[in-house]
Amino acid sequence: MYSCGNVGGYKGGEFVAASKYIELVKLELRGRTYRDYKEGTAIEKRGEFSPFTVDAEGHIKWTNRFTFLSHVSSVGTSTYAVQNGTPSIVINYSDNKRNPVLMNCTKEK
């Protein structure tokens, strides 16, 4: 299970300080499949798992859009890495105004 979010910004119309982490979504990986959902979503409402692939450089190709990113124009390259012993995924996407955005997903312990 990965916690995905950003540091600082807006959540629920309220500004959050740049030093505070904002969790946007949970990313659940199972083998070579994934699904995303908001914290507290009932298991039966979390949706189906979709396949993904990873190349030799750690670039991830998702087969379906993320439900929490349904409002964005496109999802770009995502990368997998281990930082300080913790697995992480960086998801690159463009917002509805085509501005590039990075979202960090860190494996929960």
N, C-alpha and C. Protein backbone atom coordinates (compact mmCIF):
# COMPACT_ATOMS: atom_id res chain seq x y z
N MET A 1 0.85 -1.17 0.00
CA MET A 1 0.00 0.00 0.00
C MET A 1 0.90 1.23 0.00
N TYR A 2 0.58 2.19 -0.87
CA TYR A 2 1.33 3.43 -0.97
C TYR A 2 0.44 4.60 -0.60
N SER A 3 1.01 5.58 0.07
CA SER A 3 0.33 6.83 0.36
C SER A 3 0.83 7.84 -0.67
N CYS A 4 -0.10 8.44 -1.42
CA CYS A 4 0.26 9.36 -2.49
C CYS A 4 -0.22 10.77 -2.17
N GLY A 5 0.64 11.73 -2.35
CA GLY A 5 0.26 13.11 -2.08
C GLY A 5 1.38 14.08 -2.37
N ASN A 6 1.22 15.27 -1.83
CA ASN A 6 2.18 16.35 -2.04
C ASN A 6 2.39 17.09 -0.72
N VAL A 7 3.41 17.94 -0.71
CA VAL A 7 3.65 18.79 0.45
C VAL A 7 3.11 20.17 0.13
N GLY A 8 2.18 20.65 0.96
CA GLY A 8 1.59 21.96 0.76
C GLY A 8 0.58 21.99 -0.37
N GLY A 9 -0.21 23.05 -0.41
CA GLY A 9 -1.20 23.22 -1.46
C GLY A 9 -2.61 23.30 -0.89
N TYR A 10 -3.58 22.96 -1.71
CA TYR A 10 -4.98 23.06 -1.30
C TYR A 10 -5.60 21.69 -1.10
N LYS A 11 -6.40 21.56 -0.07
CA LYS A 11 -7.16 20.34 0.18
C LYS A 11 -8.52 20.75 0.70
N GLY A 12 -9.57 20.36 -0.01
CA GLY A 12 -10.92 20.72 0.41
C GLY A 12 -11.15 22.22 0.44
N GLY A 13 -10.49 22.95 -0.47
CA GLY A 13 -10.66 24.40 -0.55
C GLY A 13 -9.86 25.18 0.47
N GLU A 14 -9.13 24.50 1.35
CA GLU A 14 -8.33 25.16 2.38
C GLU A 14 -6.85 25.07 2.02
N PHE A 15 -6.11 26.15 2.24
CA PHE A 15 -4.67 26.13 1.99
C PHE A 15 -3.97 25.41 3.13
N VAL A 16 -3.05 24.51 2.78
CA VAL A 16 -2.26 23.77 3.75
C VAL A 16 -0.80 24.23 3.61
N ALA A 17 -0.15 24.51 4.73
CA ALA A 17 1.23 25.02 4.72
C ALA A 17 2.16 24.11 3.94
N ALA A 18 3.18 24.73 3.35
CA ALA A 18 4.14 24.00 2.53
C ALA A 18 4.91 22.94 3.30
N SER A 19 4.88 22.99 4.62
CA SER A 19 5.59 22.00 5.42
C SER A 19 4.72 20.80 5.78
N LYS A 20 3.45 20.82 5.41
CA LYS A 20 2.50 19.75 5.76
C LYS A 20 2.25 18.84 4.57
N TYR A 21 2.24 17.54 4.83
CA TYR A 21 1.95 16.55 3.80
C TYR A 21 0.44 16.41 3.61
N ILE A 22 0.01 16.40 2.36
CA ILE A 22 -1.40 16.22 2.02
C ILE A 22 -1.55 14.88 1.31
N GLU A 23 -2.22 13.92 1.94
CA GLU A 23 -2.46 12.65 1.26
C GLU A 23 -3.66 12.82 0.34
N LEU A 24 -3.48 12.46 -0.92
CA LEU A 24 -4.54 12.57 -1.90
C LEU A 24 -5.25 11.25 -2.14
N VAL A 25 -4.51 10.15 -2.04
CA VAL A 25 -5.07 8.86 -2.41
C VAL A 25 -4.18 7.73 -1.90
N LYS A 26 -4.76 6.55 -1.83
CA LYS A 26 -4.01 5.32 -1.56
C LYS A 26 -3.81 4.60 -2.89
N LEU A 27 -2.65 4.04 -3.10
CA LEU A 27 -2.35 3.25 -4.29
C LEU A 27 -2.03 1.85 -3.81
N GLU A 28 -2.82 0.89 -4.22
CA GLU A 28 -2.63 -0.50 -3.79
C GLU A 28 -2.08 -1.30 -4.96
N LEU A 29 -0.93 -1.92 -4.75
CA LEU A 29 -0.31 -2.79 -5.76
C LEU A 29 -0.46 -4.22 -5.30
N ARG A 30 -0.80 -5.08 -6.26
CA ARG A 30 -0.93 -6.51 -5.98
C ARG A 30 -0.34 -7.22 -7.18
N GLY A 31 0.88 -7.76 -7.00
CA GLY A 31 1.59 -8.35 -8.14
C GLY A 31 1.87 -7.26 -9.16
N ARG A 32 1.45 -7.47 -10.40
CA ARG A 32 1.61 -6.46 -11.45
C ARG A 32 0.27 -5.79 -11.76
N THR A 33 -0.53 -5.56 -10.72
CA THR A 33 -1.80 -4.86 -10.88
C THR A 33 -1.92 -3.77 -9.82
N TYR A 34 -2.82 -2.82 -10.05
CA TYR A 34 -2.98 -1.69 -9.14
C TYR A 34 -4.43 -1.22 -9.12
N ARG A 35 -4.76 -0.47 -8.06
CA ARG A 35 -5.99 0.30 -7.98
C ARG A 35 -5.75 1.45 -7.02
N ASP A 36 -6.52 2.52 -7.16
CA ASP A 36 -6.39 3.66 -6.27
C ASP A 36 -7.75 3.97 -5.65
N TYR A 37 -7.71 4.54 -4.44
CA TYR A 37 -8.94 4.89 -3.75
C TYR A 37 -8.63 5.86 -2.61
N LYS A 38 -9.65 6.55 -2.16
CA LYS A 38 -9.52 7.47 -1.02
C LYS A 38 -9.52 6.69 0.28
N GLU A 39 -8.83 7.19 1.27
CA GLU A 39 -8.82 6.59 2.61
C GLU A 39 -10.25 6.46 3.10
N GLY A 40 -10.57 5.34 3.70
CA GLY A 40 -11.90 5.12 4.26
C GLY A 40 -12.91 4.54 3.28
N THR A 41 -12.50 4.33 2.02
CA THR A 41 -13.42 3.74 1.04
C THR A 41 -13.63 2.27 1.39
N ALA A 42 -14.88 1.84 1.42
CA ALA A 42 -15.20 0.44 1.72
C ALA A 42 -14.54 -0.47 0.68
N ILE A 43 -14.08 -1.64 1.12
CA ILE A 43 -13.38 -2.57 0.24
C ILE A 43 -14.19 -2.87 -1.01
N GLU A 44 -15.49 -3.09 -0.86
CA GLU A 44 -16.31 -3.45 -2.03
C GLU A 44 -16.50 -2.29 -3.01
N LYS A 45 -16.11 -1.08 -2.65
CA LYS A 45 -16.26 0.08 -3.53
C LYS A 45 -14.92 0.56 -4.08
N ARG A 46 -13.86 -0.20 -3.87
CA ARG A 46 -12.53 0.24 -4.29
C ARG A 46 -12.24 -0.03 -5.76
N GLY A 47 -13.06 -0.77 -6.44
CA GLY A 47 -12.85 -1.00 -7.86
C GLY A 47 -11.95 -2.18 -8.16
N GLU A 48 -11.82 -2.43 -9.45
CA GLU A 48 -11.03 -3.56 -9.92
C GLU A 48 -9.55 -3.19 -10.02
N PHE A 49 -8.71 -4.20 -9.99
CA PHE A 49 -7.29 -4.01 -10.21
C PHE A 49 -7.02 -3.97 -11.71
N SER A 50 -6.08 -3.12 -12.15
CA SER A 50 -5.68 -2.99 -13.55
C SER A 50 -4.21 -3.34 -13.67
N PRO A 51 -3.79 -3.89 -14.80
CA PRO A 51 -2.37 -4.25 -14.96
C PRO A 51 -1.48 -3.03 -15.22
N PHE A 52 -0.21 -3.17 -14.87
CA PHE A 52 0.81 -2.18 -15.20
C PHE A 52 2.08 -2.91 -15.57
N THR A 53 3.00 -2.22 -16.25
CA THR A 53 4.30 -2.80 -16.61
C THR A 53 5.40 -1.85 -16.13
N VAL A 54 6.58 -2.43 -15.90
CA VAL A 54 7.75 -1.65 -15.49
C VAL A 54 8.90 -2.07 -16.39
N ASP A 55 9.60 -1.07 -16.99
CA ASP A 55 10.74 -1.41 -17.84
C ASP A 55 12.02 -1.49 -17.01
N ALA A 56 13.15 -1.76 -17.66
CA ALA A 56 14.43 -1.96 -16.97
C ALA A 56 14.91 -0.71 -16.23
N GLU A 57 14.47 0.48 -16.66
CA GLU A 57 14.88 1.73 -16.00
C GLU A 57 13.94 2.13 -14.86
N GLY A 58 12.92 1.32 -14.60
CA GLY A 58 11.98 1.63 -13.53
C GLY A 58 10.82 2.53 -13.94
N HIS A 59 10.61 2.72 -15.25
CA HIS A 59 9.48 3.51 -15.74
C HIS A 59 8.23 2.65 -15.73
N ILE A 60 7.15 3.20 -15.19
CA ILE A 60 5.90 2.46 -15.05
C ILE A 60 4.90 2.94 -16.09
N LYS A 61 4.23 1.98 -16.75
CA LYS A 61 3.15 2.30 -17.68
C LYS A 61 1.87 1.75 -17.09
N TRP A 62 0.96 2.66 -16.75
CA TRP A 62 -0.34 2.29 -16.19
C TRP A 62 -1.30 2.03 -17.35
N THR A 63 -2.15 1.03 -17.25
CA THR A 63 -3.07 0.72 -18.34
C THR A 63 -4.37 1.51 -18.29
N ASN A 64 -4.75 1.99 -17.12
CA ASN A 64 -5.99 2.76 -16.98
C ASN A 64 -5.72 4.05 -16.22
N ARG A 65 -6.61 5.00 -16.39
CA ARG A 65 -6.50 6.26 -15.64
C ARG A 65 -6.72 5.99 -14.16
N PHE A 66 -6.17 6.83 -13.34
CA PHE A 66 -6.42 6.77 -11.91
C PHE A 66 -7.76 7.44 -11.63
N THR A 67 -8.55 6.86 -10.76
CA THR A 67 -9.86 7.46 -10.48
C THR A 67 -9.72 8.83 -9.85
N PHE A 68 -8.70 9.05 -9.04
CA PHE A 68 -8.53 10.35 -8.40
C PHE A 68 -7.97 11.40 -9.35
N LEU A 69 -7.50 10.99 -10.52
CA LEU A 69 -6.98 11.93 -11.52
C LEU A 69 -7.91 12.03 -12.73
N SER A 70 -9.18 11.77 -12.55
CA SER A 70 -10.12 11.80 -13.67
C SER A 70 -10.24 13.19 -14.28
N HIS A 71 -9.87 14.22 -13.55
CA HIS A 71 -9.98 15.60 -14.01
C HIS A 71 -8.74 16.09 -14.77
N VAL A 72 -7.69 15.29 -14.86
CA VAL A 72 -6.45 15.76 -15.49
C VAL A 72 -6.43 15.47 -16.97
N SER A 73 -5.57 16.19 -17.69
CA SER A 73 -5.52 16.00 -19.14
C SER A 73 -4.70 14.78 -19.53
N SER A 74 -3.65 14.45 -18.79
CA SER A 74 -2.87 13.27 -19.14
C SER A 74 -1.98 12.83 -17.98
N VAL A 75 -1.67 11.53 -17.95
CA VAL A 75 -0.71 10.98 -17.00
C VAL A 75 0.53 10.64 -17.79
N GLY A 76 1.68 11.17 -17.38
CA GLY A 76 2.92 10.92 -18.09
C GLY A 76 3.67 9.75 -17.48
N THR A 77 4.99 9.80 -17.62
CA THR A 77 5.84 8.74 -17.11
C THR A 77 5.85 8.71 -15.59
N SER A 78 5.77 7.53 -15.05
CA SER A 78 5.93 7.34 -13.61
C SER A 78 7.20 6.54 -13.41
N THR A 79 7.86 6.76 -12.30
CA THR A 79 9.10 6.03 -12.02
C THR A 79 9.07 5.42 -10.64
N TYR A 80 9.71 4.25 -10.54
CA TYR A 80 9.85 3.52 -9.28
C TYR A 80 11.28 3.67 -8.82
N ALA A 81 11.48 3.89 -7.53
CA ALA A 81 12.82 3.99 -6.97
C ALA A 81 12.77 3.60 -5.50
N VAL A 82 13.93 3.32 -4.94
CA VAL A 82 14.05 3.08 -3.50
C VAL A 82 14.88 4.24 -2.96
N GLN A 83 14.26 5.03 -2.06
CA GLN A 83 14.93 6.19 -1.48
C GLN A 83 15.07 5.98 0.02
N ASN A 84 16.30 5.99 0.48
CA ASN A 84 16.59 5.76 1.91
C ASN A 84 15.96 4.46 2.41
N GLY A 85 15.98 3.43 1.57
CA GLY A 85 15.45 2.13 1.94
C GLY A 85 13.94 1.99 1.82
N THR A 86 13.25 3.04 1.39
CA THR A 86 11.79 3.00 1.27
C THR A 86 11.38 3.05 -0.20
N PRO A 87 10.61 2.06 -0.68
CA PRO A 87 10.12 2.10 -2.06
C PRO A 87 9.21 3.31 -2.28
N SER A 88 9.38 3.96 -3.44
CA SER A 88 8.52 5.10 -3.77
C SER A 88 8.25 5.13 -5.27
N ILE A 89 7.16 5.80 -5.62
CA ILE A 89 6.74 5.97 -7.01
C ILE A 89 6.46 7.45 -7.20
N VAL A 90 6.99 8.03 -8.28
CA VAL A 90 6.68 9.41 -8.63
C VAL A 90 5.79 9.37 -9.86
N ILE A 91 4.59 9.95 -9.74
CA ILE A 91 3.63 9.99 -10.85
C ILE A 91 3.64 11.40 -11.43
N ASN A 92 3.94 11.50 -12.72
CA ASN A 92 3.91 12.78 -13.43
C ASN A 92 2.58 12.89 -14.16
N TYR A 93 1.91 14.02 -14.01
CA TYR A 93 0.68 14.22 -14.77
C TYR A 93 0.50 15.70 -15.06
N SER A 94 -0.42 16.02 -15.95
CA SER A 94 -0.76 17.40 -16.28
C SER A 94 -2.14 17.70 -15.73
N ASP A 95 -2.27 18.87 -15.09
CA ASP A 95 -3.59 19.23 -14.56
C ASP A 95 -4.51 19.69 -15.70
N ASN A 96 -5.71 20.11 -15.37
CA ASN A 96 -6.67 20.47 -16.40
C ASN A 96 -6.27 21.72 -17.19
N LYS A 97 -5.23 22.44 -16.73
CA LYS A 97 -4.69 23.58 -17.48
C LYS A 97 -3.38 23.21 -18.17
N ARG A 98 -3.08 21.91 -18.19
CA ARG A 98 -1.88 21.34 -18.81
C ARG A 98 -0.58 21.74 -18.11
N ASN A 99 -0.67 22.12 -16.84
CA ASN A 99 0.53 22.38 -16.04
C ASN A 99 1.08 21.07 -15.52
N PRO A 100 2.41 20.86 -15.59
CA PRO A 100 2.97 19.61 -15.07
C PRO A 100 2.91 19.54 -13.55
N VAL A 101 2.58 18.36 -13.04
CA VAL A 101 2.47 18.14 -11.60
C VAL A 101 3.16 16.82 -11.25
N LEU A 102 3.88 16.79 -10.15
CA LEU A 102 4.49 15.56 -9.65
C LEU A 102 3.78 15.16 -8.37
N MET A 103 3.48 13.87 -8.24
CA MET A 103 2.89 13.37 -7.01
C MET A 103 3.76 12.23 -6.52
N ASN A 104 4.12 12.26 -5.24
CA ASN A 104 4.96 11.23 -4.64
C ASN A 104 4.12 10.21 -3.92
N CYS A 105 4.44 8.94 -4.15
CA CYS A 105 3.78 7.83 -3.47
C CYS A 105 4.84 7.06 -2.69
N THR A 106 4.65 6.94 -1.40
CA THR A 106 5.63 6.27 -0.55
C THR A 106 4.99 5.04 0.07
N LYS A 107 5.73 3.94 0.04
CA LYS A 107 5.22 2.69 0.62
C LYS A 107 5.02 2.85 2.11
N GLU A 108 3.83 2.46 2.57
CA GLU A 108 3.53 2.53 3.99
C GLU A 108 4.19 1.37 4.71
N LYS A 109 4.55 1.59 5.95
CA LYS A 109 5.21 0.53 6.73
C LYS A 109 4.21 -0.28 7.50
